[in-house]
Amino acid sequence: MKLRTTLATGTVDVLGVKVHVQNITPDEVQKFRKKHTEYTGRGVSRRMEFNDIAFARDVFMHQITGWEGAEDENGPLECNDSSKTLVYNFDQDFVKQVTEKSKELFDSREEEDGKN
């Protein structure tokens, strides 16, 4: 069996934009979960609160490594943390499609790796 020892990367086409993505490792998921989990109260009344919106934003920001063909009303949009945050906040259709297509890409690769 061939074992993966590098981070999976690829490109997905979303709304005419070529988006370069990387898979997120289980350790990174755990780090983001820990970052966005807050405990309140003590003893029996202790509760855990998880900020799923901030978690999803961090995963989106980490997953995208670049893009080609992205534009806003002012022209070409550079891929940086500021522009990724704006896209995350204002274009949920794009965010959803990046997430879904990235998952399909990496899931299909894992299936292929399992067959080899």
PDB file of N, CA and C in Angstrom:
ATOM      1  N   MET A   1       0.840  -1.186   0.000  1.00  0.00           N
ATOM      2  CA  MET A   1       0.000   0.000   0.000  1.00  0.00           C
ATOM      3  C   MET A   1       0.878   1.240   0.000  1.00  0.00           C
ATOM      4  N   LYS A   2       0.515   2.177  -0.825  1.00  0.00           N
ATOM      5  CA  LYS A   2       1.241   3.439  -0.926  1.00  0.00           C
ATOM      6  C   LYS A   2       0.686   4.413   0.119  1.00  0.00           C
ATOM      7  N   LEU A   3       1.530   4.923   0.991  1.00  0.00           N
ATOM      8  CA  LEU A   3       1.103   5.843   2.040  1.00  0.00           C
ATOM      9  C   LEU A   3       1.365   7.281   1.626  1.00  0.00           C
ATOM     10  N   ARG A   4       0.439   8.162   1.969  1.00  0.00           N
ATOM     11  CA  ARG A   4       0.593   9.595   1.662  1.00  0.00           C
ATOM     12  C   ARG A   4       1.448  10.236   2.753  1.00  0.00           C
ATOM     13  N   THR A   5       2.452  10.993   2.318  1.00  0.00           N
ATOM     14  CA  THR A   5       3.325  11.676   3.275  1.00  0.00           C
ATOM     15  C   THR A   5       3.422  13.176   3.007  1.00  0.00           C
ATOM     16  N   THR A   6       2.620  13.670   2.059  1.00  0.00           N
ATOM     17  CA  THR A   6       2.605  15.103   1.763  1.00  0.00           C
ATOM     18  C   THR A   6       1.167  15.610   1.776  1.00  0.00           C
ATOM     19  N   LEU A   7       1.035  16.899   1.927  1.00  0.00           N
ATOM     20  CA  LEU A   7      -0.278  17.534   1.937  1.00  0.00           C
ATOM     21  C   LEU A   7      -0.856  17.528   0.524  1.00  0.00           C
ATOM     22  N   ALA A   8      -2.088  17.089   0.386  1.00  0.00           N
ATOM     23  CA  ALA A   8      -2.737  17.041  -0.918  1.00  0.00           C
ATOM     24  C   ALA A   8      -3.118  18.452  -1.363  1.00  0.00           C
ATOM     25  N   THR A   9      -2.844  18.759  -2.622  1.00  0.00           N
ATOM     26  CA  THR A   9      -3.210  20.050  -3.198  1.00  0.00           C
ATOM     27  C   THR A   9      -3.892  19.814  -4.538  1.00  0.00           C
ATOM     28  N   GLY A  10      -4.566  20.816  -5.029  1.00  0.00           N
ATOM     29  CA  GLY A  10      -5.225  20.701  -6.320  1.00  0.00           C
ATOM     30  C   GLY A  10      -5.859  22.013  -6.714  1.00  0.00           C
ATOM     31  N   THR A  11      -6.533  21.989  -7.854  1.00  0.00           N
ATOM     32  CA  THR A  11      -7.217  23.175  -8.364  1.00  0.00           C
ATOM     33  C   THR A  11      -8.653  22.805  -8.688  1.00  0.00           C
ATOM     34  N   VAL A  12      -9.577  23.668  -8.274  1.00  0.00           N
ATOM     35  CA  VAL A  12     -10.993  23.476  -8.590  1.00  0.00           C
ATOM     36  C   VAL A  12     -11.494  24.726  -9.305  1.00  0.00           C
ATOM     37  N   ASP A  13     -12.453  24.536 -10.208  1.00  0.00           N
ATOM     38  CA  ASP A  13     -13.048  25.648 -10.938  1.00  0.00           C
ATOM     39  C   ASP A  13     -14.362  26.023 -10.258  1.00  0.00           C
ATOM     40  N   VAL A  14     -14.421  27.260  -9.767  1.00  0.00           N
ATOM     41  CA  VAL A  14     -15.613  27.729  -9.062  1.00  0.00           C
ATOM     42  C   VAL A  14     -16.045  29.058  -9.669  1.00  0.00           C
ATOM     43  N   LEU A  15     -17.208  29.051 -10.291  1.00  0.00           N
ATOM     44  CA  LEU A  15     -17.784  30.267 -10.881  1.00  0.00           C
ATOM     45  C   LEU A  15     -16.800  30.976 -11.809  1.00  0.00           C
ATOM     46  N   GLY A  16     -16.049  30.197 -12.587  1.00  0.00           N
ATOM     47  CA  GLY A  16     -15.099  30.762 -13.530  1.00  0.00           C
ATOM     48  C   GLY A  16     -13.765  31.165 -12.938  1.00  0.00           C
ATOM     49  N   VAL A  17     -13.545  30.874 -11.679  1.00  0.00           N
ATOM     50  CA  VAL A  17     -12.290  31.203 -11.005  1.00  0.00           C
ATOM     51  C   VAL A  17     -11.548  29.896 -10.733  1.00  0.00           C
ATOM     52  N   LYS A  18     -10.273  29.836 -11.114  1.00  0.00           N
ATOM     53  CA  LYS A  18      -9.440  28.677 -10.783  1.00  0.00           C
ATOM     54  C   LYS A  18      -8.939  28.873  -9.361  1.00  0.00           C
ATOM     55  N   VAL A  19      -9.363  27.997  -8.454  1.00  0.00           N
ATOM     56  CA  VAL A  19      -9.013  28.135  -7.048  1.00  0.00           C
ATOM     57  C   VAL A  19      -8.033  27.026  -6.678  1.00  0.00           C
ATOM     58  N   HIS A  20      -6.868  27.418  -6.179  1.00  0.00           N
ATOM     59  CA  HIS A  20      -5.851  26.464  -5.745  1.00  0.00           C
ATOM     60  C   HIS A  20      -6.107  26.163  -4.264  1.00  0.00           C
ATOM     61  N   VAL A  21      -6.285  24.886  -3.968  1.00  0.00           N
ATOM     62  CA  VAL A  21      -6.659  24.489  -2.614  1.00  0.00           C
ATOM     63  C   VAL A  21      -5.694  23.439  -2.069  1.00  0.00           C
ATOM     64  N   GLN A  22      -5.661  23.344  -0.760  1.00  0.00           N
ATOM     65  CA  GLN A  22      -4.908  22.287  -0.088  1.00  0.00           C
ATOM     66  C   GLN A  22      -5.828  21.619   0.916  1.00  0.00           C
ATOM     67  N   ASN A  23      -5.591  20.348   1.128  1.00  0.00           N
ATOM     68  CA  ASN A  23      -6.382  19.615   2.101  1.00  0.00           C
ATOM     69  C   ASN A  23      -5.974  20.060   3.502  1.00  0.00           C
ATOM     70  N   ILE A  24      -6.847  19.904   4.433  1.00  0.00           N
ATOM     71  CA  ILE A  24      -6.552  20.287   5.811  1.00  0.00           C
ATOM     72  C   ILE A  24      -6.301  19.011   6.607  1.00  0.00           C
ATOM     73  N   THR A  25      -5.255  19.015   7.406  1.00  0.00           N
ATOM     74  CA  THR A  25      -4.894  17.819   8.160  1.00  0.00           C
ATOM     75  C   THR A  25      -5.736  17.702   9.424  1.00  0.00           C
ATOM     76  N   PRO A  26      -5.859  16.501   9.970  1.00  0.00           N
ATOM     77  CA  PRO A  26      -6.590  16.336  11.234  1.00  0.00           C
ATOM     78  C   PRO A  26      -6.019  17.183  12.368  1.00  0.00           C
ATOM     79  N   ASP A  27      -4.698  17.363  12.402  1.00  0.00           N
ATOM     80  CA  ASP A  27      -4.087  18.196  13.443  1.00  0.00           C
ATOM     81  C   ASP A  27      -4.529  19.653  13.314  1.00  0.00           C
ATOM     82  N   GLU A  28      -4.629  20.129  12.069  1.00  0.00           N
ATOM     83  CA  GLU A  28      -5.075  21.509  11.850  1.00  0.00           C
ATOM     84  C   GLU A  28      -6.540  21.675  12.232  1.00  0.00           C
ATOM     85  N   VAL A  29      -7.362  20.685  11.906  1.00  0.00           N
ATOM     86  CA  VAL A  29      -8.770  20.723  12.307  1.00  0.00           C
ATOM     87  C   VAL A  29      -8.868  20.821  13.818  1.00  0.00           C
ATOM     88  N   GLN A  30      -8.099  19.987  14.520  1.00  0.00           N
ATOM     89  CA  GLN A  30      -8.107  19.984  15.983  1.00  0.00           C
ATOM     90  C   GLN A  30      -7.662  21.339  16.531  1.00  0.00           C
ATOM     91  N   LYS A  31      -6.632  21.931  15.917  1.00  0.00           N
ATOM     92  CA  LYS A  31      -6.132  23.245  16.355  1.00  0.00           C
ATOM     93  C   LYS A  31      -7.224  24.308  16.196  1.00  0.00           C
ATOM     94  N   PHE A  32      -7.925  24.304  15.055  1.00  0.00           N
ATOM     95  CA  PHE A  32      -8.999  25.273  14.838  1.00  0.00           C
ATOM     96  C   PHE A  32     -10.163  25.032  15.798  1.00  0.00           C
ATOM     97  N   ARG A  33     -10.498  23.765  16.053  1.00  0.00           N
ATOM     98  CA  ARG A  33     -11.578  23.455  17.006  1.00  0.00           C
ATOM     99  C   ARG A  33     -11.242  23.995  18.395  1.00  0.00           C
ATOM    100  N   LYS A  34     -10.015  23.751  18.820  1.00  0.00           N
ATOM    101  CA  LYS A  34      -9.583  24.212  20.143  1.00  0.00           C
ATOM    102  C   LYS A  34      -9.608  25.741  20.226  1.00  0.00           C
ATOM    103  N   LYS A  35      -9.169  26.383  19.151  1.00  0.00           N
ATOM    104  CA  LYS A  35      -9.131  27.848  19.101  1.00  0.00           C
ATOM    105  C   LYS A  35     -10.524  28.453  19.251  1.00  0.00           C
ATOM    106  N   HIS A  36     -11.552  27.769  18.739  1.00  0.00           N
ATOM    107  CA  HIS A  36     -12.902  28.338  18.717  1.00  0.00           C
ATOM    108  C   HIS A  36     -13.862  27.673  19.704  1.00  0.00           C
ATOM    109  N   THR A  37     -13.314  27.024  20.715  1.00  0.00           N
ATOM    110  CA  THR A  37     -14.126  26.433  21.764  1.00  0.00           C
ATOM    111  C   THR A  37     -13.872  27.188  23.062  1.00  0.00           C
ATOM    112  N   GLU A  38     -14.954  27.585  23.699  1.00  0.00           N
ATOM    113  CA  GLU A  38     -14.845  28.335  24.947  1.00  0.00           C
ATOM    114  C   GLU A  38     -15.676  27.627  26.017  1.00  0.00           C
ATOM    115  N   TYR A  39     -15.102  27.526  27.188  1.00  0.00           N
ATOM    116  CA  TYR A  39     -15.810  26.898  28.306  1.00  0.00           C
ATOM    117  C   TYR A  39     -16.264  27.987  29.260  1.00  0.00           C
ATOM    118  N   THR A  40     -17.516  27.897  29.695  1.00  0.00           N
ATOM    119  CA  THR A  40     -18.050  28.873  30.641  1.00  0.00           C
ATOM    120  C   THR A  40     -18.637  28.136  31.842  1.00  0.00           C
ATOM    121  N   GLY A  41     -18.675  28.805  32.954  1.00  0.00           N
ATOM    122  CA  GLY A  41     -19.240  28.212  34.164  1.00  0.00           C
ATOM    123  C   GLY A  41     -18.266  27.271  34.847  1.00  0.00           C
ATOM    124  N   ARG A  42     -18.733  26.721  35.978  1.00  0.00           N
ATOM    125  CA  ARG A  42     -17.913  25.787  36.756  1.00  0.00           C
ATOM    126  C   ARG A  42     -18.756  24.610  37.196  1.00  0.00           C
ATOM    127  N   GLY A  43     -18.098  23.527  37.482  1.00  0.00           N
ATOM    128  CA  GLY A  43     -18.782  22.348  38.017  1.00  0.00           C
ATOM    129  C   GLY A  43     -19.875  21.843  37.100  1.00  0.00           C
ATOM    130  N   VAL A  44     -21.044  21.591  37.695  1.00  0.00           N
ATOM    131  CA  VAL A  44     -22.178  21.041  36.954  1.00  0.00           C
ATOM    132  C   VAL A  44     -22.675  22.014  35.882  1.00  0.00           C
ATOM    133  N   SER A  45     -22.534  23.289  36.116  1.00  0.00           N
ATOM    134  CA  SER A  45     -23.053  24.278  35.170  1.00  0.00           C
ATOM    135  C   SER A  45     -22.045  24.627  34.066  1.00  0.00           C
ATOM    136  N   ARG A  46     -20.915  23.931  34.044  1.00  0.00           N
ATOM    137  CA  ARG A  46     -19.906  24.203  33.016  1.00  0.00           C
ATOM    138  C   ARG A  46     -20.446  23.826  31.634  1.00  0.00           C
ATOM    139  N   ARG A  47     -20.304  24.753  30.691  1.00  0.00           N
ATOM    140  CA  ARG A  47     -20.776  24.518  29.331  1.00  0.00           C
ATOM    141  C   ARG A  47     -19.665  24.787  28.332  1.00  0.00           C
ATOM    142  N   MET A  48     -19.764  24.086  27.229  1.00  0.00           N
ATOM    143  CA  MET A  48     -18.822  24.300  26.140  1.00  0.00           C
ATOM    144  C   MET A  48     -19.561  25.030  25.026  1.00  0.00           C
ATOM    145  N   GLU A  49     -18.965  26.107  24.529  1.00  0.00           N
ATOM    146  CA  GLU A  49     -19.551  26.842  23.414  1.00  0.00           C
ATOM    147  C   GLU A  49     -18.567  26.812  22.257  1.00  0.00           C
ATOM    148  N   PHE A  50     -19.074  26.411  21.098  1.00  0.00           N
ATOM    149  CA  PHE A  50     -18.236  26.282  19.914  1.00  0.00           C
ATOM    150  C   PHE A  50     -18.685  27.301  18.884  1.00  0.00           C
ATOM    151  N   ASN A  51     -17.739  28.107  18.389  1.00  0.00           N
ATOM    152  CA  ASN A  51     -18.038  29.130  17.389  1.00  0.00           C
ATOM    153  C   ASN A  51     -17.826  28.514  16.004  1.00  0.00           C
ATOM    154  N   ASP A  52     -18.872  27.912  15.448  1.00  0.00           N
ATOM    155  CA  ASP A  52     -18.748  27.212  14.172  1.00  0.00           C
ATOM    156  C   ASP A  52     -18.522  28.151  13.001  1.00  0.00           C
ATOM    157  N   ILE A  53     -18.974  29.388  13.091  1.00  0.00           N
ATOM    158  CA  ILE A  53     -18.767  30.343  12.004  1.00  0.00           C
ATOM    159  C   ILE A  53     -17.284  30.718  11.900  1.00  0.00           C
ATOM    160  N   ALA A  54     -16.665  31.011  13.021  1.00  0.00           N
ATOM    161  CA  ALA A  54     -15.236  31.343  13.018  1.00  0.00           C
ATOM    162  C   ALA A  54     -14.397  30.138  12.607  1.00  0.00           C
ATOM    163  N   PHE A  55     -14.806  28.942  13.031  1.00  0.00           N
ATOM    164  CA  PHE A  55     -14.116  27.715  12.644  1.00  0.00           C
ATOM    165  C   PHE A  55     -14.163  27.539  11.124  1.00  0.00           C
ATOM    166  N   ALA A  56     -15.344  27.679  10.537  1.00  0.00           N
ATOM    167  CA  ALA A  56     -15.507  27.518   9.088  1.00  0.00           C
ATOM    168  C   ALA A  56     -14.686  28.558   8.330  1.00  0.00           C
ATOM    169  N   ARG A  57     -14.642  29.783   8.837  1.00  0.00           N
ATOM    170  CA  ARG A  57     -13.843  30.838   8.195  1.00  0.00           C
ATOM    171  C   ARG A  57     -12.363  30.464   8.204  1.00  0.00           C
ATOM    172  N   ASP A  58     -11.860  29.995   9.335  1.00  0.00           N
ATOM    173  CA  ASP A  58     -10.444  29.621   9.424  1.00  0.00           C
ATOM    174  C   ASP A  58     -10.105  28.474   8.477  1.00  0.00           C
ATOM    175  N   VAL A  59     -10.991  27.494   8.383  1.00  0.00           N
ATOM    176  CA  VAL A  59     -10.758  26.373   7.473  1.00  0.00           C
ATOM    177  C   VAL A  59     -10.724  26.882   6.033  1.00  0.00           C
ATOM    178  N   PHE A  60     -11.680  27.732   5.653  1.00  0.00           N
ATOM    179  CA  PHE A  60     -11.732  28.304   4.311  1.00  0.00           C
ATOM    180  C   PHE A  60     -10.450  29.079   4.009  1.00  0.00           C
ATOM    181  N   MET A  61     -10.034  29.922   4.931  1.00  0.00           N
ATOM    182  CA  MET A  61      -8.841  30.746   4.743  1.00  0.00           C
ATOM    183  C   MET A  61      -7.597  29.882   4.570  1.00  0.00           C
ATOM    184  N   HIS A  62      -7.506  28.820   5.351  1.00  0.00           N
ATOM    185  CA  HIS A  62      -6.342  27.935   5.295  1.00  0.00           C
ATOM    186  C   HIS A  62      -6.339  27.099   4.015  1.00  0.00           C
ATOM    187  N   GLN A  63      -7.500  26.695   3.588  1.00  0.00           N
ATOM    188  CA  GLN A  63      -7.631  25.774   2.458  1.00  0.00           C
ATOM    189  C   GLN A  63      -7.237  26.417   1.127  1.00  0.00           C
ATOM    190  N   ILE A  64      -7.527  27.690   0.932  1.00  0.00           N
ATOM    191  CA  ILE A  64      -7.227  28.367  -0.328  1.00  0.00           C
ATOM    192  C   ILE A  64      -5.799  28.898  -0.306  1.00  0.00           C
ATOM    193  N   THR A  65      -5.012  28.459  -1.300  1.00  0.00           N
ATOM    194  CA  THR A  65      -3.622  28.910  -1.399  1.00  0.00           C
ATOM    195  C   THR A  65      -3.420  29.929  -2.510  1.00  0.00           C
ATOM    196  N   GLY A  66      -4.408  30.081  -3.371  1.00  0.00           N
ATOM    197  CA  GLY A  66      -4.313  31.051  -4.458  1.00  0.00           C
ATOM    198  C   GLY A  66      -5.518  30.945  -5.368  1.00  0.00           C
ATOM    199  N   TRP A  67      -5.657  31.906  -6.279  1.00  0.00           N
ATOM    200  CA  TRP A  67      -6.711  31.842  -7.283  1.00  0.00           C
ATOM    201  C   TRP A  67      -6.305  32.634  -8.514  1.00  0.00           C
ATOM    202  N   GLU A  68      -6.942  32.292  -9.625  1.00  0.00           N
ATOM    203  CA  GLU A  68      -6.702  32.981 -10.893  1.00  0.00           C
ATOM    204  C   GLU A  68      -8.062  33.347 -11.485  1.00  0.00           C
ATOM    205  N   GLY A  69      -8.175  34.590 -11.929  1.00  0.00           N
ATOM    206  CA  GLY A  69      -9.409  35.021 -12.575  1.00  0.00           C
ATOM    207  C   GLY A  69     -10.444  35.614 -11.643  1.00  0.00           C
ATOM    208  N   ALA A  70     -10.081  35.836 -10.392  1.00  0.00           N
ATOM    209  CA  ALA A  70     -11.030  36.435  -9.439  1.00  0.00           C
ATOM    210  C   ALA A  70     -11.018  37.953  -9.598  1.00  0.00           C
ATOM    211  N   GLU A  71     -12.205  38.528  -9.652  1.00  0.00           N
ATOM    212  CA  GLU A  71     -12.345  39.977  -9.772  1.00  0.00           C
ATOM    213  C   GLU A  71     -13.472  40.455  -8.871  1.00  0.00           C
ATOM    214  N   ASP A  72     -13.371  41.702  -8.450  1.00  0.00           N
ATOM    215  CA  ASP A  72     -14.485  42.353  -7.770  1.00  0.00           C
ATOM    216  C   ASP A  72     -14.851  43.590  -8.581  1.00  0.00           C
ATOM    217  N   GLU A  73     -15.639  44.473  -8.030  1.00  0.00           N
ATOM    218  CA  GLU A  73     -16.083  45.656  -8.780  1.00  0.00           C
ATOM    219  C   GLU A  73     -14.947  46.601  -9.141  1.00  0.00           C
ATOM    220  N   ASN A  74     -13.764  46.414  -8.528  1.00  0.00           N
ATOM    221  CA  ASN A  74     -12.617  47.287  -8.805  1.00  0.00           C
ATOM    222  C   ASN A  74     -11.584  46.648  -9.727  1.00  0.00           C
ATOM    223  N   GLY A  75     -11.837  45.423 -10.173  1.00  0.00           N
ATOM    224  CA  GLY A  75     -10.892  44.749 -11.061  1.00  0.00           C
ATOM    225  C   GLY A  75     -10.371  43.459 -10.451  1.00  0.00           C
ATOM    226  N   PRO A  76      -9.174  43.016 -10.892  1.00  0.00           N
ATOM    227  CA  PRO A  76      -8.606  41.753 -10.390  1.00  0.00           C
ATOM    228  C   PRO A  76      -8.444  41.762  -8.868  1.00  0.00           C
ATOM    229  N   LEU A  77      -8.716  40.622  -8.262  1.00  0.00           N
ATOM    230  CA  LEU A  77      -8.659  40.491  -6.808  1.00  0.00           C
ATOM    231  C   LEU A  77      -7.478  39.599  -6.427  1.00  0.00           C
ATOM    232  N   GLU A  78      -6.510  40.176  -5.730  1.00  0.00           N
ATOM    233  CA  GLU A  78      -5.343  39.435  -5.276  1.00  0.00           C
ATOM    234  C   GLU A  78      -5.764  38.444  -4.187  1.00  0.00           C
ATOM    235  N   CYS A  79      -5.129  37.284  -4.156  1.00  0.00           N
ATOM    236  CA  CYS A  79      -5.443  36.285  -3.130  1.00  0.00           C
ATOM    237  C   CYS A  79      -4.576  36.532  -1.903  1.00  0.00           C
ATOM    238  N   ASN A  80      -5.154  37.134  -0.877  1.00  0.00           N
ATOM    239  CA  ASN A  80      -4.474  37.345   0.402  1.00  0.00           C
ATOM    240  C   ASN A  80      -5.518  37.222   1.512  1.00  0.00           C
ATOM    241  N   ASP A  81      -5.080  37.286   2.750  1.00  0.00           N
ATOM    242  CA  ASP A  81      -6.014  37.096   3.868  1.00  0.00           C
ATOM    243  C   ASP A  81      -7.148  38.115   3.859  1.00  0.00           C
ATOM    244  N   SER A  82      -6.830  39.348   3.497  1.00  0.00           N
ATOM    245  CA  SER A  82      -7.854  40.393   3.478  1.00  0.00           C
ATOM    246  C   SER A  82      -8.938  40.095   2.438  1.00  0.00           C
ATOM    247  N   SER A  83      -8.519  39.733   1.218  1.00  0.00           N
ATOM    248  CA  SER A  83      -9.504  39.452   0.175  1.00  0.00           C
ATOM    249  C   SER A  83     -10.251  38.148   0.454  1.00  0.00           C
ATOM    250  N   LYS A  84      -9.576  37.147   1.020  1.00  0.00           N
ATOM    251  CA  LYS A  84     -10.269  35.901   1.365  1.00  0.00           C
ATOM    252  C   LYS A  84     -11.333  36.162   2.433  1.00  0.00           C
ATOM    253  N   THR A  85     -11.038  37.040   3.382  1.00  0.00           N
ATOM    254  CA  THR A  85     -12.018  37.397   4.411  1.00  0.00           C
ATOM    255  C   THR A  85     -13.222  38.100   3.785  1.00  0.00           C
ATOM    256  N   LEU A  86     -12.979  39.023   2.867  1.00  0.00           N
ATOM    257  CA  LEU A  86     -14.078  39.713   2.194  1.00  0.00           C
ATOM    258  C   LEU A  86     -14.945  38.733   1.418  1.00  0.00           C
ATOM    259  N   VAL A  87     -14.305  37.834   0.677  1.00  0.00           N
ATOM    260  CA  VAL A  87     -15.057  36.830  -0.085  1.00  0.00           C
ATOM    261  C   VAL A  87     -15.865  35.960   0.868  1.00  0.00           C
ATOM    262  N   TYR A  88     -15.248  35.537   1.975  1.00  0.00           N
ATOM    263  CA  TYR A  88     -15.955  34.695   2.938  1.00  0.00           C
ATOM    264  C   TYR A  88     -17.180  35.413   3.507  1.00  0.00           C
ATOM    265  N   ASN A  89     -17.039  36.690   3.778  1.00  0.00           N
ATOM    266  CA  ASN A  89     -18.135  37.450   4.376  1.00  0.00           C
ATOM    267  C   ASN A  89     -19.251  37.813   3.401  1.00  0.00           C
ATOM    268  N   PHE A  90     -18.925  37.972   2.112  1.00  0.00           N
ATOM    269  CA  PHE A  90     -19.911  38.507   1.185  1.00  0.00           C
ATOM    270  C   PHE A  90     -20.329  37.591   0.048  1.00  0.00           C
ATOM    271  N   ASP A  91     -19.671  36.451  -0.161  1.00  0.00           N
ATOM    272  CA  ASP A  91     -20.039  35.578  -1.280  1.00  0.00           C
ATOM    273  C   ASP A  91     -20.145  34.126  -0.806  1.00  0.00           C
ATOM    274  N   GLN A  92     -21.229  33.838  -0.108  1.00  0.00           N
ATOM    275  CA  GLN A  92     -21.414  32.502   0.460  1.00  0.00           C
ATOM    276  C   GLN A  92     -21.576  31.426  -0.601  1.00  0.00           C
ATOM    277  N   ASP A  93     -22.084  31.768  -1.783  1.00  0.00           N
ATOM    278  CA  ASP A  93     -22.198  30.791  -2.865  1.00  0.00           C
ATOM    279  C   ASP A  93     -20.803  30.311  -3.276  1.00  0.00           C
ATOM    280  N   PHE A  94     -19.866  31.236  -3.411  1.00  0.00           N
ATOM    281  CA  PHE A  94     -18.490  30.898  -3.764  1.00  0.00           C
ATOM    282  C   PHE A  94     -17.869  30.023  -2.674  1.00  0.00           C
ATOM    283  N   VAL A  95     -18.039  30.429  -1.433  1.00  0.00           N
ATOM    284  CA  VAL A  95     -17.480  29.681  -0.298  1.00  0.00           C
ATOM    285  C   VAL A  95     -18.022  28.249  -0.282  1.00  0.00           C
ATOM    286  N   LYS A  96     -19.327  28.108  -0.449  1.00  0.00           N
ATOM    287  CA  LYS A  96     -19.954  26.788  -0.432  1.00  0.00           C
ATOM    288  C   LYS A  96     -19.413  25.908  -1.560  1.00  0.00           C
ATOM    289  N   GLN A  97     -19.296  26.486  -2.749  1.00  0.00           N
ATOM    290  CA  GLN A  97     -18.803  25.703  -3.884  1.00  0.00           C
ATOM    291  C   GLN A  97     -17.338  25.319  -3.724  1.00  0.00           C
ATOM    292  N   VAL A  98     -16.506  26.218  -3.186  1.00  0.00           N
ATOM    293  CA  VAL A  98     -15.100  25.877  -2.936  1.00  0.00           C
ATOM    294  C   VAL A  98     -15.030  24.712  -1.961  1.00  0.00           C
ATOM    295  N   THR A  99     -15.814  24.785  -0.903  1.00  0.00           N
ATOM    296  CA  THR A  99     -15.821  23.728   0.116  1.00  0.00           C
ATOM    297  C   THR A  99     -16.260  22.396  -0.480  1.00  0.00           C
ATOM    298  N   GLU A 100     -17.362  22.404  -1.217  1.00  0.00           N
ATOM    299  CA  GLU A 100     -17.894  21.164  -1.789  1.00  0.00           C
ATOM    300  C   GLU A 100     -16.960  20.569  -2.838  1.00  0.00           C
ATOM    301  N   LYS A 101     -16.456  21.400  -3.744  1.00  0.00           N
ATOM    302  CA  LYS A 101     -15.589  20.887  -4.808  1.00  0.00           C
ATOM    303  C   LYS A 101     -14.253  20.409  -4.264  1.00  0.00           C
ATOM    304  N   SER A 102     -13.729  21.075  -3.237  1.00  0.00           N
ATOM    305  CA  SER A 102     -12.489  20.627  -2.615  1.00  0.00           C
ATOM    306  C   SER A 102     -12.685  19.270  -1.956  1.00  0.00           C
ATOM    307  N   LYS A 103     -13.795  19.114  -1.275  1.00  0.00           N
ATOM    308  CA  LYS A 103     -14.091  17.832  -0.622  1.00  0.00           C
ATOM    309  C   LYS A 103     -14.193  16.722  -1.660  1.00  0.00           C
ATOM    310  N   GLU A 104     -14.903  16.989  -2.768  1.00  0.00           N
ATOM    311  CA  GLU A 104     -15.013  15.993  -3.840  1.00  0.00           C
ATOM    312  C   GLU A 104     -13.638  15.631  -4.391  1.00  0.00           C
ATOM    313  N   LEU A 105     -12.782  16.641  -4.615  1.00  0.00           N
ATOM    314  CA  LEU A 105     -11.445  16.417  -5.157  1.00  0.00           C
ATOM    315  C   LEU A 105     -10.626  15.520  -4.240  1.00  0.00           C
ATOM    316  N   PHE A 106     -10.581  15.865  -2.969  1.00  0.00           N
ATOM    317  CA  PHE A 106      -9.741  15.115  -2.039  1.00  0.00           C
ATOM    318  C   PHE A 106     -10.337  13.750  -1.704  1.00  0.00           C
ATOM    319  N   ASP A 107     -11.673  13.644  -1.660  1.00  0.00           N
ATOM    320  CA  ASP A 107     -12.304  12.341  -1.426  1.00  0.00           C
ATOM    321  C   ASP A 107     -12.007  11.386  -2.581  1.00  0.00           C
ATOM    322  N   SER A 108     -12.069  11.896  -3.822  1.00  0.00           N
ATOM    323  CA  SER A 108     -11.808  11.027  -4.974  1.00  0.00           C
ATOM    324  C   SER A 108     -10.353  10.574  -4.984  1.00  0.00           C
ATOM    325  N   ARG A 109      -9.448  11.422  -4.546  1.00  0.00           N
ATOM    326  CA  ARG A 109      -8.025  11.042  -4.473  1.00  0.00           C
ATOM    327  C   ARG A 109      -7.807   9.964  -3.429  1.00  0.00           C
ATOM    328  N   GLU A 110      -8.500  10.076  -2.293  1.00  0.00           N
ATOM    329  CA  GLU A 110      -8.356   9.062  -1.253  1.00  0.00           C
ATOM    330  C   GLU A 110      -8.889   7.718  -1.735  1.00  0.00           C
ATOM    331  N   GLU A 111      -9.989   7.749  -2.490  1.00  0.00           N
ATOM    332  CA  GLU A 111     -10.528   6.510  -3.045  1.00  0.00           C
ATOM    333  C   GLU A 111      -9.541   5.867  -4.005  1.00  0.00           C
ATOM    334  N   GLU A 112      -8.911   6.693  -4.862  1.00  0.00           N
ATOM    335  CA  GLU A 112      -7.908   6.197  -5.800  1.00  0.00           C
ATOM    336  C   GLU A 112      -6.707   5.607  -5.052  1.00  0.00           C
ATOM    337  N   ASP A 113      -6.264   6.310  -4.006  1.00  0.00           N
ATOM    338  CA  ASP A 113      -5.131   5.823  -3.222  1.00  0.00           C
ATOM    339  C   ASP A 113      -5.462   4.498  -2.555  1.00  0.00           C
ATOM    340  N   GLY A 114      -6.714   4.336  -2.130  1.00  0.00           N
ATOM    341  CA  GLY A 114      -7.136   3.094  -1.481  1.00  0.00           C
ATOM    342  C   GLY A 114      -7.150   1.925  -2.432  1.00  0.00           C
ATOM    343  N   LYS A 115      -7.336   2.198  -3.727  1.00  0.00           N
ATOM    344  CA  LYS A 115      -7.362   1.131  -4.724  1.00  0.00           C
ATOM    345  C   LYS A 115      -5.959   0.683  -5.120  1.00  0.00           C
ATOM    346  N   ASN A 116      -4.988   1.571  -4.938  1.00  0.00           N
ATOM    347  CA  ASN A 116      -3.597   1.254  -5.342  1.00  0.00           C
ATOM    348  C   ASN A 116      -2.855   0.546  -4.254  1.00  0.00           C
TER     349      ASN A 116
END
